[in-house]
Amino acid sequence: MKRVPFAQIKAIHELECREFVLQTEKRDYTFKGMTYEGARALVGNLRELKKLAAEHAAPGSPSGLGGSSKSRRSKSGRRLPEGSSK
């Protein structure tokens, strides 16, 4: 699975037929939603997350969301929320 950090997204364009495009400096990623309404809601959510990422960007943070590079991880390798005891 390819991950696209919000900090790398330059623009989000809603297309017809449930499709939308995430534009980065290196390339464009095209996605298709299950329904028109679902795709439209996802575009709105992605735009909001991109805005929040830009507001909270920290220098040197690959995700653009700040935070420490030494995040806690579960046994399966998933990142744990801050303050989690598991």
Protein backbone atom coordinates (compact mmCIF):
# COMPACT_ATOMS: atom_id res chain seq x y z
CA MET A 1 0.00 0.00 0.00
CA LYS A 2 1.31 3.45 -0.92
CA ARG A 3 1.16 6.17 1.74
CA VAL A 4 0.97 9.81 0.74
CA PRO A 5 1.83 12.15 3.65
CA PHE A 6 -0.58 15.08 3.90
CA ALA A 7 2.39 17.48 3.83
CA GLN A 8 3.21 16.28 0.29
CA ILE A 9 -0.29 16.88 -1.09
CA LYS A 10 -0.37 20.07 -3.12
CA ALA A 11 -4.02 19.91 -4.23
CA ILE A 12 -7.10 17.70 -4.08
CA HIS A 13 -9.40 17.76 -7.10
CA GLU A 14 -12.87 16.26 -7.24
CA LEU A 15 -13.66 14.74 -10.64
CA GLU A 16 -16.84 13.27 -12.09
CA CYS A 17 -17.86 9.61 -11.76
CA ARG A 18 -16.87 9.32 -8.07
CA GLU A 19 -13.19 10.02 -8.83
CA PHE A 20 -10.75 12.40 -7.16
CA VAL A 21 -7.07 13.24 -7.60
CA LEU A 22 -4.38 13.93 -5.00
CA GLN A 23 -1.64 16.04 -6.61
CA THR A 24 1.91 15.95 -5.24
CA GLU A 25 5.13 17.39 -6.64
CA LYS A 26 6.23 13.97 -7.93
CA ARG A 27 2.96 12.58 -9.32
CA ASP A 28 -0.83 12.52 -9.23
CA TYR A 29 -2.84 9.77 -7.51
CA THR A 30 -6.36 9.05 -8.81
CA PHE A 31 -8.92 7.28 -6.61
CA LYS A 32 -12.50 6.17 -7.14
CA GLY A 33 -15.07 6.12 -4.34
CA MET A 34 -17.79 3.55 -3.86
CA THR A 35 -20.54 6.18 -4.22
CA TYR A 36 -20.68 9.79 -5.37
CA GLU A 37 -21.63 10.94 -1.87
CA GLY A 38 -18.87 8.88 -0.28
CA ALA A 39 -16.23 10.23 -2.65
CA ARG A 40 -17.43 13.78 -2.06
CA ALA A 41 -17.31 13.33 1.73
CA LEU A 42 -13.83 11.80 1.49
CA VAL A 43 -12.58 14.75 -0.56
CA GLY A 44 -13.94 17.15 2.06
CA ASN A 45 -12.29 15.17 4.87
CA LEU A 46 -8.96 14.99 3.01
CA ARG A 47 -9.01 18.74 2.42
CA GLU A 48 -9.65 19.34 6.12
CA LEU A 49 -6.83 16.97 7.13
CA LYS A 50 -4.46 18.64 4.67
CA LYS A 51 -5.34 22.01 6.20
CA LEU A 52 -4.75 20.71 9.74
CA ALA A 53 -1.46 19.09 8.71
CA ALA A 54 -0.26 22.40 7.29
CA GLU A 55 -1.23 24.23 10.50
CA HIS A 56 0.61 21.72 12.71
CA ALA A 57 3.59 20.96 10.46
CA ALA A 58 6.89 20.56 12.25
CA PRO A 59 10.27 20.83 10.51
CA GLY A 60 11.68 17.41 9.70
CA SER A 61 8.38 15.61 10.19
CA PRO A 62 7.64 13.35 7.19
CA SER A 63 3.89 13.27 7.84
CA GLY A 64 3.54 17.00 8.34
CA LEU A 65 1.65 16.28 11.53
CA GLY A 66 4.52 16.89 13.92
CA GLY A 67 5.24 14.47 16.69
CA SER A 68 8.24 12.43 17.59
CA SER A 69 10.05 10.06 15.27
CA LYS A 70 10.31 7.71 18.27
CA SER A 71 6.60 6.84 18.46
CA ARG A 72 5.44 3.85 20.46
CA ARG A 73 4.46 0.79 18.46
CA SER A 74 2.40 -2.31 19.20
CA LYS A 75 3.75 -5.85 18.77
CA SER A 76 2.32 -5.87 15.24
CA GLY A 77 4.24 -2.68 14.40
CA ARG A 78 1.25 -0.32 14.42
CA ARG A 79 1.71 3.13 15.90
CA LEU A 80 0.05 3.53 19.31
CA PRO A 81 -1.77 6.71 20.39
CA GLU A 82 0.11 8.97 22.78
CA GLY A 83 -0.57 8.08 26.39
CA SER A 84 -1.53 4.51 25.48
CA SER A 85 -0.46 1.88 27.98
CA LYS A 86 -0.56 -1.05 25.53
